[in-house]
PDB file of N, CA and C in Angstrom:
ATOM      1  N   UNK A   1     -16.265  -0.199   8.394  1.00  0.00           N
ATOM      2  CA  UNK A   1     -15.261   0.853   7.959  1.00  0.00           C
ATOM      3  C   UNK A   1     -14.491   0.984   6.749  1.00  0.00           C
ATOM      4  N   UNK A   2     -14.759   2.039   6.478  1.00  0.00           N
ATOM      5  CA  UNK A   2     -13.754   2.650   5.052  1.00  0.00           C
ATOM      6  C   UNK A   2     -12.747   2.882   5.472  1.00  0.00           C
ATOM      7  N   UNK A   3     -11.751   2.495   4.701  1.00  0.00           N
ATOM      8  CA  UNK A   3     -10.021   2.215   4.722  1.00  0.00           C
ATOM      9  C   UNK A   3      -9.445   2.242   3.407  1.00  0.00           C
ATOM     10  N   UNK A   4      -7.956   3.088   3.635  1.00  0.00           N
ATOM     11  CA  UNK A   4      -7.078   3.179   2.423  1.00  0.00           C
ATOM     12  C   UNK A   4      -5.946   2.743   2.404  1.00  0.00           C
ATOM     13  N   UNK A   5      -5.228   2.294   1.626  1.00  0.00           N
ATOM     14  CA  UNK A   5      -4.032   1.712   1.813  1.00  0.00           C
ATOM     15  C   UNK A   5      -3.250   2.648   1.360  1.00  0.00           C
ATOM     16  N   UNK A   6      -3.733   3.971   0.667  1.00  0.00           N
ATOM     17  CA  UNK A   6      -2.642   4.552   0.162  1.00  0.00           C
ATOM     18  C   UNK A   6      -1.799   5.896   1.228  1.00  0.00           C
ATOM     19  N   UNK A   7      -0.744   6.256   0.791  1.00  0.00           N
ATOM     20  CA  UNK A   7       0.014   7.013   1.706  1.00  0.00           C
ATOM     21  C   UNK A   7      -1.351   8.033   1.901  1.00  0.00           C
ATOM     22  N   UNK A   8      -0.811   8.971   3.019  1.00  0.00           N
ATOM     23  CA  UNK A   8      -1.670   9.969   3.957  1.00  0.00           C
ATOM     24  C   UNK A   8      -1.721  10.572   3.069  1.00  0.00           C
ATOM     25  N   UNK A   9      -0.702  11.363   2.391  1.00  0.00           N
ATOM     26  CA  UNK A   9      -1.020  12.806   1.264  1.00  0.00           C
ATOM     27  C   UNK A   9      -1.825  12.354   0.364  1.00  0.00           C
ATOM     28  N   UNK A  10      -1.618  11.057  -0.447  1.00  0.00           N
ATOM     29  CA  UNK A  10      -2.257  10.596  -1.778  1.00  0.00           C
ATOM     30  C   UNK A  10      -3.946  10.488  -0.950  1.00  0.00           C
ATOM     31  N   UNK A  11      -4.075   9.626   0.074  1.00  0.00           N
ATOM     32  CA  UNK A  11      -5.523   9.867   0.198  1.00  0.00           C
ATOM     33  C   UNK A  11      -6.120  10.910   1.108  1.00  0.00           C
ATOM     34  N   UNK A  12      -5.455  11.966   1.580  1.00  0.00           N
ATOM     35  CA  UNK A  12      -5.448  13.287   1.613  1.00  0.00           C
ATOM     36  C   UNK A  12      -6.010  14.464   0.460  1.00  0.00           C
ATOM     37  N   UNK A  13      -5.331  14.232  -0.685  1.00  0.00           N
ATOM     38  CA  UNK A  13      -5.830  14.492  -1.676  1.00  0.00           C
ATOM     39  C   UNK A  13      -6.834  14.365  -2.517  1.00  0.00           C
ATOM     40  N   UNK A  14      -7.051  12.936  -2.262  1.00  0.00           N
ATOM     41  CA  UNK A  14      -8.265  12.568  -2.671  1.00  0.00           C
ATOM     42  C   UNK A  14      -9.386  13.211  -2.110  1.00  0.00           C
ATOM     43  N   UNK A  15      -9.546  13.182  -0.871  1.00  0.00           N
ATOM     44  CA  UNK A  15     -10.386  13.711  -0.100  1.00  0.00           C
ATOM     45  C   UNK A  15     -10.457  15.169  -0.489  1.00  0.00           C
ATOM     46  N   UNK A  16      -9.285  16.176  -0.731  1.00  0.00           N
ATOM     47  CA  UNK A  16      -9.617  17.638  -0.915  1.00  0.00           C
ATOM     48  C   UNK A  16     -10.138  17.327  -2.191  1.00  0.00           C
ATOM     49  N   UNK A  17     -10.098  16.500  -3.283  1.00  0.00           N
ATOM     50  CA  UNK A  17     -10.464  16.596  -4.203  1.00  0.00           C
ATOM     51  C   UNK A  17     -11.842  16.514  -4.433  1.00  0.00           C
ATOM     52  N   UNK A  18     -12.027  15.659  -3.853  1.00  0.00           N
ATOM     53  CA  UNK A  18     -13.687  14.952  -3.746  1.00  0.00           C
ATOM     54  C   UNK A  18     -14.593  15.862  -3.383  1.00  0.00           C
ATOM     55  N   UNK A  19     -14.242  16.315  -2.110  1.00  0.00           N
ATOM     56  CA  UNK A  19     -15.101  17.394  -1.312  1.00  0.00           C
ATOM     57  C   UNK A  19     -14.829  18.754  -1.695  1.00  0.00           C
ATOM     58  N   UNK A  20     -14.176  19.035  -3.042  1.00  0.00           N
ATOM     59  CA  UNK A  20     -13.852  20.350  -3.890  1.00  0.00           C
ATOM     60  C   UNK A  20     -13.477  21.466  -2.736  1.00  0.00           C
ATOM     61  N   UNK A  21     -12.128  21.330  -1.863  1.00  0.00           N
ATOM     62  CA  UNK A  21     -11.831  21.981  -1.377  1.00  0.00           C
ATOM     63  C   UNK A  21      -9.992  22.318  -1.632  1.00  0.00           C
ATOM     64  N   UNK A  22     -10.055  23.794  -1.909  1.00  0.00           N
ATOM     65  CA  UNK A  22      -8.355  24.027  -2.637  1.00  0.00           C
ATOM     66  C   UNK A  22      -7.571  23.746  -0.930  1.00  0.00           C
ATOM     67  N   UNK A  23      -6.371  24.033  -1.122  1.00  0.00           N
ATOM     68  CA  UNK A  23      -5.541  23.729  -0.285  1.00  0.00           C
ATOM     69  C   UNK A  23      -5.620  24.884   0.755  1.00  0.00           C
ATOM     70  N   UNK A  24      -5.752  26.173   0.268  1.00  0.00           N
ATOM     71  CA  UNK A  24      -6.334  27.531   1.443  1.00  0.00           C
ATOM     72  C   UNK A  24      -7.468  27.183   2.140  1.00  0.00           C
ATOM     73  N   UNK A  25      -8.240  26.808   1.362  1.00  0.00           N
ATOM     74  CA  UNK A  25      -9.746  26.390   1.896  1.00  0.00           C
ATOM     75  C   UNK A  25      -9.611  25.443   2.879  1.00  0.00           C
ATOM     76  N   UNK A  26      -8.948  24.146   2.795  1.00  0.00           N
ATOM     77  CA  UNK A  26      -8.873  23.017   3.676  1.00  0.00           C
ATOM     78  C   UNK A  26      -8.244  23.318   4.737  1.00  0.00           C
ATOM     79  N   UNK A  27      -6.903  24.496   4.853  1.00  0.00           N
ATOM     80  CA  UNK A  27      -6.053  24.906   5.691  1.00  0.00           C
ATOM     81  C   UNK A  27      -6.739  25.418   6.623  1.00  0.00           C
ATOM     82  N   UNK A  28      -7.706  26.319   6.329  1.00  0.00           N
ATOM     83  CA  UNK A  28      -8.435  27.278   7.463  1.00  0.00           C
ATOM     84  C   UNK A  28      -9.745  26.343   7.723  1.00  0.00           C
ATOM     85  N   UNK A  29     -10.048  25.471   7.465  1.00  0.00           N
ATOM     86  CA  UNK A  29     -11.150  24.509   7.759  1.00  0.00           C
ATOM     87  C   UNK A  29     -10.304  23.695   9.107  1.00  0.00           C
ATOM     88  N   UNK A  30      -9.255  23.040   8.584  1.00  0.00           N
ATOM     89  CA  UNK A  30      -8.768  22.253   9.753  1.00  0.00           C
ATOM     90  C   UNK A  30      -7.755  23.067  10.582  1.00  0.00           C
ATOM     91  N   UNK A  31      -7.619  24.379  10.374  1.00  0.00           N
ATOM     92  CA  UNK A  31      -6.824  25.047  11.162  1.00  0.00           C
ATOM     93  C   UNK A  31      -5.415  24.530  11.287  1.00  0.00           C
ATOM     94  N   UNK A  32      -5.023  24.347  10.034  1.00  0.00           N
ATOM     95  CA  UNK A  32      -3.369  24.238   9.783  1.00  0.00           C
ATOM     96  C   UNK A  32      -3.086  24.866   8.932  1.00  0.00           C
ATOM     97  N   UNK A  33      -1.653  25.111   9.098  1.00  0.00           N
ATOM     98  CA  UNK A  33      -1.132  26.456   7.961  1.00  0.00           C
ATOM     99  C   UNK A  33      -1.091  25.651   6.766  1.00  0.00           C
ATOM    100  N   UNK A  34      -1.319  26.472   5.717  1.00  0.00           N
ATOM    101  CA  UNK A  34      -1.476  26.236   4.121  1.00  0.00           C
ATOM    102  C   UNK A  34      -0.181  25.419   3.815  1.00  0.00           C
ATOM    103  N   UNK A  35       0.866  26.011   4.480  1.00  0.00           N
ATOM    104  CA  UNK A  35       2.132  25.388   3.727  1.00  0.00           C
ATOM    105  C   UNK A  35       2.139  23.987   4.103  1.00  0.00           C
ATOM    106  N   UNK A  36       1.680  23.667   5.610  1.00  0.00           N
ATOM    107  CA  UNK A  36       1.758  22.132   5.886  1.00  0.00           C
ATOM    108  C   UNK A  36       0.739  21.231   5.326  1.00  0.00           C
ATOM    109  N   UNK A  37      -0.492  21.473   4.815  1.00  0.00           N
ATOM    110  CA  UNK A  37      -1.346  20.913   4.188  1.00  0.00           C
ATOM    111  C   UNK A  37      -0.475  20.684   2.966  1.00  0.00           C
ATOM    112  N   UNK A  38      -0.016  21.530   2.202  1.00  0.00           N
ATOM    113  CA  UNK A  38       0.577  21.548   0.909  1.00  0.00           C
ATOM    114  C   UNK A  38       1.462  20.283   1.157  1.00  0.00           C
ATOM    115  N   UNK A  39       2.405  20.640   1.862  1.00  0.00           N
ATOM    116  CA  UNK A  39       3.627  19.267   1.939  1.00  0.00           C
ATOM    117  C   UNK A  39       3.139  18.106   2.752  1.00  0.00           C
ATOM    118  N   UNK A  40       1.995  18.132   3.541  1.00  0.00           N
ATOM    119  CA  UNK A  40       1.300  16.696   3.533  1.00  0.00           C
ATOM    120  C   UNK A  40       1.213  16.279   2.200  1.00  0.00           C
ATOM    121  N   UNK A  41       0.017  16.678   1.399  1.00  0.00           N
ATOM    122  CA  UNK A  41      -0.306  16.093   0.234  1.00  0.00           C
ATOM    123  C   UNK A  41       0.736  15.964  -0.589  1.00  0.00           C
ATOM    124  N   UNK A  42       1.794  16.633  -0.835  1.00  0.00           N
ATOM    125  CA  UNK A  42       3.054  16.802  -1.774  1.00  0.00           C
ATOM    126  C   UNK A  42       4.090  15.889  -1.253  1.00  0.00           C
ATOM    127  N   UNK A  43       4.000  15.208  -0.134  1.00  0.00           N
ATOM    128  CA  UNK A  43       5.187  14.435   0.437  1.00  0.00           C
ATOM    129  C   UNK A  43       5.936  14.921   0.463  1.00  0.00           C
ATOM    130  N   UNK A  44       5.965  16.357   1.040  1.00  0.00           N
ATOM    131  CA  UNK A  44       7.239  17.192   1.071  1.00  0.00           C
ATOM    132  C   UNK A  44       7.781  16.971   2.709  1.00  0.00           C
ATOM    133  N   UNK A  45       6.875  16.434   3.366  1.00  0.00           N
ATOM    134  CA  UNK A  45       7.546  16.082   4.784  1.00  0.00           C
ATOM    135  C   UNK A  45       7.989  14.757   4.769  1.00  0.00           C
ATOM    136  N   UNK A  46       8.987  14.173   5.895  1.00  0.00           N
ATOM    137  CA  UNK A  46       9.716  12.599   5.699  1.00  0.00           C
ATOM    138  C   UNK A  46       9.048  11.633   6.319  1.00  0.00           C
ATOM    139  N   UNK A  47       7.802  11.933   7.015  1.00  0.00           N
ATOM    140  CA  UNK A  47       7.014  11.125   7.577  1.00  0.00           C
ATOM    141  C   UNK A  47       5.375  11.488   8.009  1.00  0.00           C
ATOM    142  N   UNK A  48       4.431  10.603   7.834  1.00  0.00           N
ATOM    143  CA  UNK A  48       3.197  11.030   7.708  1.00  0.00           C
ATOM    144  C   UNK A  48       2.871  11.732   9.274  1.00  0.00           C
ATOM    145  N   UNK A  49       1.929  12.841   9.103  1.00  0.00           N
ATOM    146  CA  UNK A  49       1.853  13.734  10.621  1.00  0.00           C
ATOM    147  C   UNK A  49       1.505  12.762  11.770  1.00  0.00           C
ATOM    148  N   UNK A  50       1.477  13.562  12.775  1.00  0.00           N
ATOM    149  CA  UNK A  50       1.024  12.892  14.082  1.00  0.00           C
ATOM    150  C   UNK A  50      -0.413  12.431  14.010  1.00  0.00           C
ATOM    151  N   UNK A  51      -0.823  11.476  14.890  1.00  0.00           N
ATOM    152  CA  UNK A  51      -2.050  10.697  15.000  1.00  0.00           C
ATOM    153  C   UNK A  51      -3.040  11.951  15.403  1.00  0.00           C
ATOM    154  N   UNK A  52      -2.530  12.980  16.266  1.00  0.00           N
ATOM    155  CA  UNK A  52      -3.285  14.078  16.256  1.00  0.00           C
ATOM    156  C   UNK A  52      -3.885  14.521  15.009  1.00  0.00           C
ATOM    157  N   UNK A  53      -2.972  15.012  14.422  1.00  0.00           N
ATOM    158  CA  UNK A  53      -3.501  15.563  13.070  1.00  0.00           C
ATOM    159  C   UNK A  53      -4.576  14.685  12.057  1.00  0.00           C
ATOM    160  N   UNK A  54      -3.910  13.670  12.247  1.00  0.00           N
ATOM    161  CA  UNK A  54      -4.616  12.319  11.343  1.00  0.00           C
ATOM    162  C   UNK A  54      -6.454  12.696  11.911  1.00  0.00           C
ATOM    163  N   UNK A  55      -6.044  12.152  13.317  1.00  0.00           N
ATOM    164  CA  UNK A  55      -7.425  12.486  13.856  1.00  0.00           C
ATOM    165  C   UNK A  55      -8.522  13.745  13.706  1.00  0.00           C
ATOM    166  N   UNK A  56      -7.566  14.706  13.732  1.00  0.00           N
ATOM    167  CA  UNK A  56      -8.329  15.920  13.269  1.00  0.00           C
ATOM    168  C   UNK A  56      -8.697  15.667  11.557  1.00  0.00           C
ATOM    169  N   UNK A  57      -8.066  15.604  10.719  1.00  0.00           N
ATOM    170  CA  UNK A  57      -8.191  15.419   9.209  1.00  0.00           C
ATOM    171  C   UNK A  57      -9.427  14.284   9.285  1.00  0.00           C
ATOM    172  N   UNK A  58      -9.210  12.921   9.822  1.00  0.00           N
ATOM    173  CA  UNK A  58     -10.166  12.768   9.779  1.00  0.00           C
ATOM    174  C   UNK A  58     -11.839  12.676  10.097  1.00  0.00           C
ATOM    175  N   UNK A  59     -11.736  13.290  11.149  1.00  0.00           N
ATOM    176  CA  UNK A  59     -13.386  13.832  11.879  1.00  0.00           C
ATOM    177  C   UNK A  59     -13.684  15.092  11.186  1.00  0.00           C
ATOM    178  N   UNK A  60     -12.926  15.586  10.535  1.00  0.00           N
ATOM    179  CA  UNK A  60     -13.296  16.648   9.285  1.00  0.00           C
ATOM    180  C   UNK A  60     -13.855  16.220   8.310  1.00  0.00           C
ATOM    181  N   UNK A  61     -13.660  15.041   7.669  1.00  0.00           N
ATOM    182  CA  UNK A  61     -14.140  14.606   6.814  1.00  0.00           C
ATOM    183  C   UNK A  61     -15.095  13.409   6.983  1.00  0.00           C
ATOM    184  N   UNK A  62     -15.473  13.106   8.736  1.00  0.00           N
ATOM    185  CA  UNK A  62     -16.562  12.000   9.211  1.00  0.00           C
ATOM    186  C   UNK A  62     -16.151  10.867   8.757  1.00  0.00           C
ATOM    187  N   UNK A  63     -14.750  10.377   9.094  1.00  0.00           N
ATOM    188  CA  UNK A  63     -14.083   9.415   8.940  1.00  0.00           C
ATOM    189  C   UNK A  63     -13.580   8.969  10.200  1.00  0.00           C
ATOM    190  N   UNK A  64     -13.097   7.826  10.360  1.00  0.00           N
ATOM    191  CA  UNK A  64     -12.448   6.831  11.682  1.00  0.00           C
ATOM    192  C   UNK A  64     -10.687   7.549  11.545  1.00  0.00           C
ATOM    193  N   UNK A  65     -10.025   7.910  12.014  1.00  0.00           N
ATOM    194  CA  UNK A  65      -8.932   7.660  11.988  1.00  0.00           C
ATOM    195  C   UNK A  65      -8.149   6.593  11.183  1.00  0.00           C
ATOM    196  N   UNK A  66      -8.736   5.331  11.652  1.00  0.00           N
ATOM    197  CA  UNK A  66      -8.221   4.264  10.939  1.00  0.00           C
ATOM    198  C   UNK A  66      -8.490   4.094   9.359  1.00  0.00           C
ATOM    199  N   UNK A  67      -9.185   4.845   8.908  1.00  0.00           N
ATOM    200  CA  UNK A  67      -9.507   5.031   7.432  1.00  0.00           C
ATOM    201  C   UNK A  67      -7.913   5.453   6.804  1.00  0.00           C
ATOM    202  N   UNK A  68      -7.014   6.258   7.673  1.00  0.00           N
ATOM    203  CA  UNK A  68      -5.617   6.064   7.017  1.00  0.00           C
ATOM    204  C   UNK A  68      -4.707   4.843   7.615  1.00  0.00           C
ATOM    205  N   UNK A  69      -3.855   4.665   6.438  1.00  0.00           N
ATOM    206  CA  UNK A  69      -3.041   3.288   6.782  1.00  0.00           C
ATOM    207  C   UNK A  69      -2.161   3.756   7.726  1.00  0.00           C
ATOM    208  N   UNK A  70      -1.452   4.774   7.934  1.00  0.00           N
ATOM    209  CA  UNK A  70      -0.519   4.927   8.804  1.00  0.00           C
ATOM    210  C   UNK A  70      -0.775   5.317  10.184  1.00  0.00           C
ATOM    211  N   UNK A  71      -2.182   5.688  10.263  1.00  0.00           N
ATOM    212  CA  UNK A  71      -2.697   5.521  12.181  1.00  0.00           C
ATOM    213  C   UNK A  71      -2.711   3.879  12.253  1.00  0.00           C
ATOM    214  N   UNK A  72      -3.116   2.761  11.333  1.00  0.00           N
ATOM    215  CA  UNK A  72      -3.673   1.988  11.603  1.00  0.00           C
ATOM    216  C   UNK A  72      -2.005   1.004  11.909  1.00  0.00           C
ATOM    217  N   UNK A  73      -1.115   1.537  10.685  1.00  0.00           N
ATOM    218  CA  UNK A  73       0.074   0.920  11.270  1.00  0.00           C
ATOM    219  C   UNK A  73       0.797   1.343  12.671  1.00  0.00           C
ATOM    220  N   UNK A  74       0.526   2.296  13.103  1.00  0.00           N
ATOM    221  CA  UNK A  74       0.684   3.013  14.257  1.00  0.00           C
ATOM    222  C   UNK A  74       0.538   1.892  15.557  1.00  0.00           C
ATOM    223  N   UNK A  75      -0.581   1.697  15.203  1.00  0.00           N
ATOM    224  CA  UNK A  75      -1.293   0.852  16.384  1.00  0.00           C
ATOM    225  C   UNK A  75      -1.174  -0.357  16.603  1.00  0.00           C
ATOM    226  N   UNK A  76      -0.664  -0.954  15.311  1.00  0.00           N
ATOM    227  CA  UNK A  76       0.148  -2.362  15.120  1.00  0.00           C
ATOM    228  C   UNK A  76       1.185  -2.385  15.788  1.00  0.00           C
ATOM    229  N   UNK A  77       1.975  -1.246  15.483  1.00  0.00           N
ATOM    230  CA  UNK A  77       3.567  -1.294  15.901  1.00  0.00           C
ATOM    231  C   UNK A  77       3.406  -0.938  17.463  1.00  0.00           C
ATOM    232  N   UNK A  78       2.281   0.056  17.882  1.00  0.00           N
ATOM    233  CA  UNK A  78       2.030   0.114  19.280  1.00  0.00           C
ATOM    234  C   UNK A  78       1.741  -1.168  20.294  1.00  0.00           C
ATOM    235  N   UNK A  79       1.188  -2.164  19.558  1.00  0.00           N
ATOM    236  CA  UNK A  79       0.505  -3.430  19.678  1.00  0.00           C
ATOM    237  C   UNK A  79       1.900  -4.118  19.912  1.00  0.00           C
ATOM    238  N   UNK A  80       2.830  -4.002  19.302  1.00  0.00           N
ATOM    239  CA  UNK A  80       4.520  -5.286  19.091  1.00  0.00           C
ATOM    240  C   UNK A  80       5.125  -4.702  19.998  1.00  0.00           C
ATOM    241  N   UNK A  81       5.161  -3.218  20.461  1.00  0.00           N
ATOM    242  CA  UNK A  81       6.010  -2.794  20.893  1.00  0.00           C
ATOM    243  C   UNK A  81       5.602  -2.942  22.485  1.00  0.00           C
ATOM    244  N   UNK A  82       4.492  -2.977  22.606  1.00  0.00           N
ATOM    245  CA  UNK A  82       3.804  -3.721  23.901  1.00  0.00           C
ATOM    246  C   UNK A  82       4.029  -4.910  24.401  1.00  0.00           C
ATOM    247  N   UNK A  83       3.759  -5.952  23.147  1.00  0.00           N
ATOM    248  CA  UNK A  83       3.915  -7.156  23.242  1.00  0.00           C
ATOM    249  C   UNK A  83       5.021  -8.049  22.520  1.00  0.00           C
ATOM    250  N   UNK A  84       6.316  -7.547  22.777  1.00  0.00           N
ATOM    251  CA  UNK A  84       7.682  -7.551  21.612  1.00  0.00           C
ATOM    252  C   UNK A  84       7.741  -9.650  21.306  1.00  0.00           C
ATOM    253  N   UNK A  85       6.968 -10.045  21.979  1.00  0.00           N
ATOM    254  CA  UNK A  85       7.367 -11.618  21.312  1.00  0.00           C
ATOM    255  C   UNK A  85       6.094 -11.541  20.284  1.00  0.00           C
ATOM    256  N   UNK A  86       5.253 -10.950  20.233  1.00  0.00           N
ATOM    257  CA  UNK A  86       4.210 -11.069  19.056  1.00  0.00           C
ATOM    258  C   UNK A  86       4.864 -10.641  17.404  1.00  0.00           C
ATOM    259  N   UNK A  87       6.079 -10.247  17.945  1.00  0.00           N
ATOM    260  CA  UNK A  87       6.732  -9.915  16.300  1.00  0.00           C
ATOM    261  C   UNK A  87       6.856 -11.161  15.529  1.00  0.00           C
ATOM    262  N   UNK A  88       7.689 -12.034  16.293  1.00  0.00           N
ATOM    263  CA  UNK A  88       7.917 -13.216  16.085  1.00  0.00           C
ATOM    264  C   UNK A  88       6.293 -14.052  15.239  1.00  0.00           C
ATOM    265  N   UNK A  89       5.676 -14.084  15.997  1.00  0.00           N
ATOM    266  CA  UNK A  89       4.178 -14.161  15.888  1.00  0.00           C
ATOM    267  C   UNK A  89       4.095 -13.891  14.394  1.00  0.00           C
ATOM    268  N   UNK A  90       3.711 -12.744  14.303  1.00  0.00           N
ATOM    269  CA  UNK A  90       3.587 -11.933  13.058  1.00  0.00           C
ATOM    270  C   UNK A  90       4.411 -12.626  11.943  1.00  0.00           C
ATOM    271  N   UNK A  91       5.752 -12.703  11.842  1.00  0.00           N
ATOM    272  CA  UNK A  91       6.796 -12.878  10.983  1.00  0.00           C
ATOM    273  C   UNK A  91       6.304 -14.333  10.754  1.00  0.00           C
ATOM    274  N   UNK A  92       6.133 -15.383  11.225  1.00  0.00           N
ATOM    275  CA  UNK A  92       5.855 -16.429  11.088  1.00  0.00           C
ATOM    276  C   UNK A  92       4.384 -16.754  10.683  1.00  0.00           C
ATOM    277  N   UNK A  93       3.381 -15.906  10.672  1.00  0.00           N
ATOM    278  CA  UNK A  93       2.353 -16.119  10.104  1.00  0.00           C
ATOM    279  C   UNK A  93       2.381 -15.334   8.910  1.00  0.00           C
ATOM    280  N   UNK A  94       3.014 -14.290   8.475  1.00  0.00           N
ATOM    281  CA  UNK A  94       3.208 -14.114   7.413  1.00  0.00           C
ATOM    282  C   UNK A  94       3.873 -14.649   6.286  1.00  0.00           C
ATOM    283  N   UNK A  95       4.849 -15.447   6.846  1.00  0.00           N
ATOM    284  CA  UNK A  95       5.669 -16.371   5.934  1.00  0.00           C
ATOM    285  C   UNK A  95       4.822 -17.349   5.922  1.00  0.00           C
ATOM    286  N   UNK A  96       3.612 -18.168   6.065  1.00  0.00           N
ATOM    287  CA  UNK A  96       2.793 -19.208   6.073  1.00  0.00           C
ATOM    288  C   UNK A  96       1.807 -18.849   5.100  1.00  0.00           C
ATOM    289  N   UNK A  97       1.329 -17.414   5.381  1.00  0.00           N
ATOM    290  CA  UNK A  97       0.369 -16.733   4.180  1.00  0.00           C
ATOM    291  C   UNK A  97       1.232 -16.354   3.075  1.00  0.00           C
ATOM    292  N   UNK A  98       2.164 -15.756   2.641  1.00  0.00           N
ATOM    293  CA  UNK A  98       3.098 -15.530   1.988  1.00  0.00           C
ATOM    294  C   UNK A  98       3.663 -16.921   0.701  1.00  0.00           C
ATOM    295  N   UNK A  99       3.333 -17.935   1.370  1.00  0.00           N
ATOM    296  CA  UNK A  99       3.446 -19.262   1.001  1.00  0.00           C
ATOM    297  C   UNK A  99       2.612 -19.310   0.118  1.00  0.00           C
ATOM    298  N   UNK A 100       1.154 -19.348   0.602  1.00  0.00           N
ATOM    299  CA  UNK A 100       0.030 -19.633   0.341  1.00  0.00           C
ATOM    300  C   UNK A 100      -0.123 -18.462  -1.383  1.00  0.00           C
ATOM    301  N   UNK A 101       0.398 -17.575  -0.992  1.00  0.00           N
ATOM    302  CA  UNK A 101      -0.137 -16.867  -1.881  1.00  0.00           C
ATOM    303  C   UNK A 101       0.788 -16.255  -3.303  1.00  0.00           C
ATOM    304  N   UNK A 102       2.096 -17.554  -3.238  1.00  0.00           N
ATOM    305  CA  UNK A 102       2.818 -17.597  -4.226  1.00  0.00           C
ATOM    306  C   UNK A 102       2.249 -18.187  -5.404  1.00  0.00           C
ATOM    307  N   UNK A 103       2.342 -17.616  -6.625  1.00  0.00           N
ATOM    308  CA  UNK A 103       1.877 -18.447  -7.937  1.00  0.00           C
ATOM    309  C   UNK A 103       2.354 -19.606  -7.873  1.00  0.00           C
ATOM    310  N   UNK A 104       1.537 -20.612  -8.665  1.00  0.00           N
ATOM    311  CA  UNK A 104       1.768 -22.103  -8.889  1.00  0.00           C
ATOM    312  C   UNK A 104       2.724 -21.923  -9.951  1.00  0.00           C
ATOM    313  N   UNK A 105       3.817 -22.627  -9.850  1.00  0.00           N
ATOM    314  CA  UNK A 105       4.639 -23.111 -10.863  1.00  0.00           C
ATOM    315  C   UNK A 105       3.885 -23.622 -12.098  1.00  0.00           C
ATOM    316  N   UNK A 106       4.998 -23.228 -13.140  1.00  0.00           N
ATOM    317  CA  UNK A 106       4.432 -24.198 -14.540  1.00  0.00           C
ATOM    318  C   UNK A 106       4.646 -25.248 -14.611  1.00  0.00           C
ATOM    319  N   UNK A 107       5.298 -26.044 -13.767  1.00  0.00           N
ATOM    320  CA  UNK A 107       5.344 -27.393 -14.053  1.00  0.00           C
ATOM    321  C   UNK A 107       4.205 -27.679 -13.614  1.00  0.00           C
ATOM    322  N   UNK A 108       3.438 -27.583 -12.671  1.00  0.00           N
ATOM    323  CA  UNK A 108       2.127 -28.018 -12.241  1.00  0.00           C
ATOM    324  C   UNK A 108       1.186 -27.650 -13.279  1.00  0.00           C
ATOM    325  N   UNK A 109       1.150 -26.991 -14.305  1.00  0.00           N
ATOM    326  CA  UNK A 109       0.498 -26.829 -15.347  1.00  0.00           C
ATOM    327  C   UNK A 109       0.515 -27.955 -16.279  1.00  0.00           C
ATOM    328  N   UNK A 110       1.912 -28.353 -16.677  1.00  0.00           N
ATOM    329  CA  UNK A 110       2.031 -28.943 -17.334  1.00  0.00           C
ATOM    330  C   UNK A 110       2.224 -30.401 -17.256  1.00  0.00           C
ATOM    331  N   UNK A 111       1.873 -30.877 -15.898  1.00  0.00           N
ATOM    332  CA  UNK A 111       1.401 -32.327 -15.613  1.00  0.00           C
ATOM    333  C   UNK A 111      -0.131 -32.287 -15.590  1.00  0.00           C
ATOM    334  N   UNK A 112      -0.752 -31.469 -15.716  1.00  0.00           N
ATOM    335  CA  UNK A 112      -2.070 -31.873 -15.442  1.00  0.00           C
ATOM    336  C   UNK A 112      -2.571 -31.509 -17.179  1.00  0.00           C
TER     337      UNK A 112
END
């Protein structure tokens, strides 16, 4: 499955350019107001659009909604909210992962 880690607006703009759509043409195809498309792309909205809009955009471009980071994030937040003790597990596992990902200190290089 193809995914992106970019903010929704940036990812949408890349798709718009890749498929050669103007703001006007894209808004007509999606059935969304031109000003809203512009605001989504140029981060004039405070948060990502609703999952319904994300699903509509993904479907239009032949992608799964999970392509967009915000959609995947909301799914994770729903899982955590339904299983609240899971947040502690996530924090614990992330801490383990973060320790492994830290660069080795210079002192280790000097010993070798």
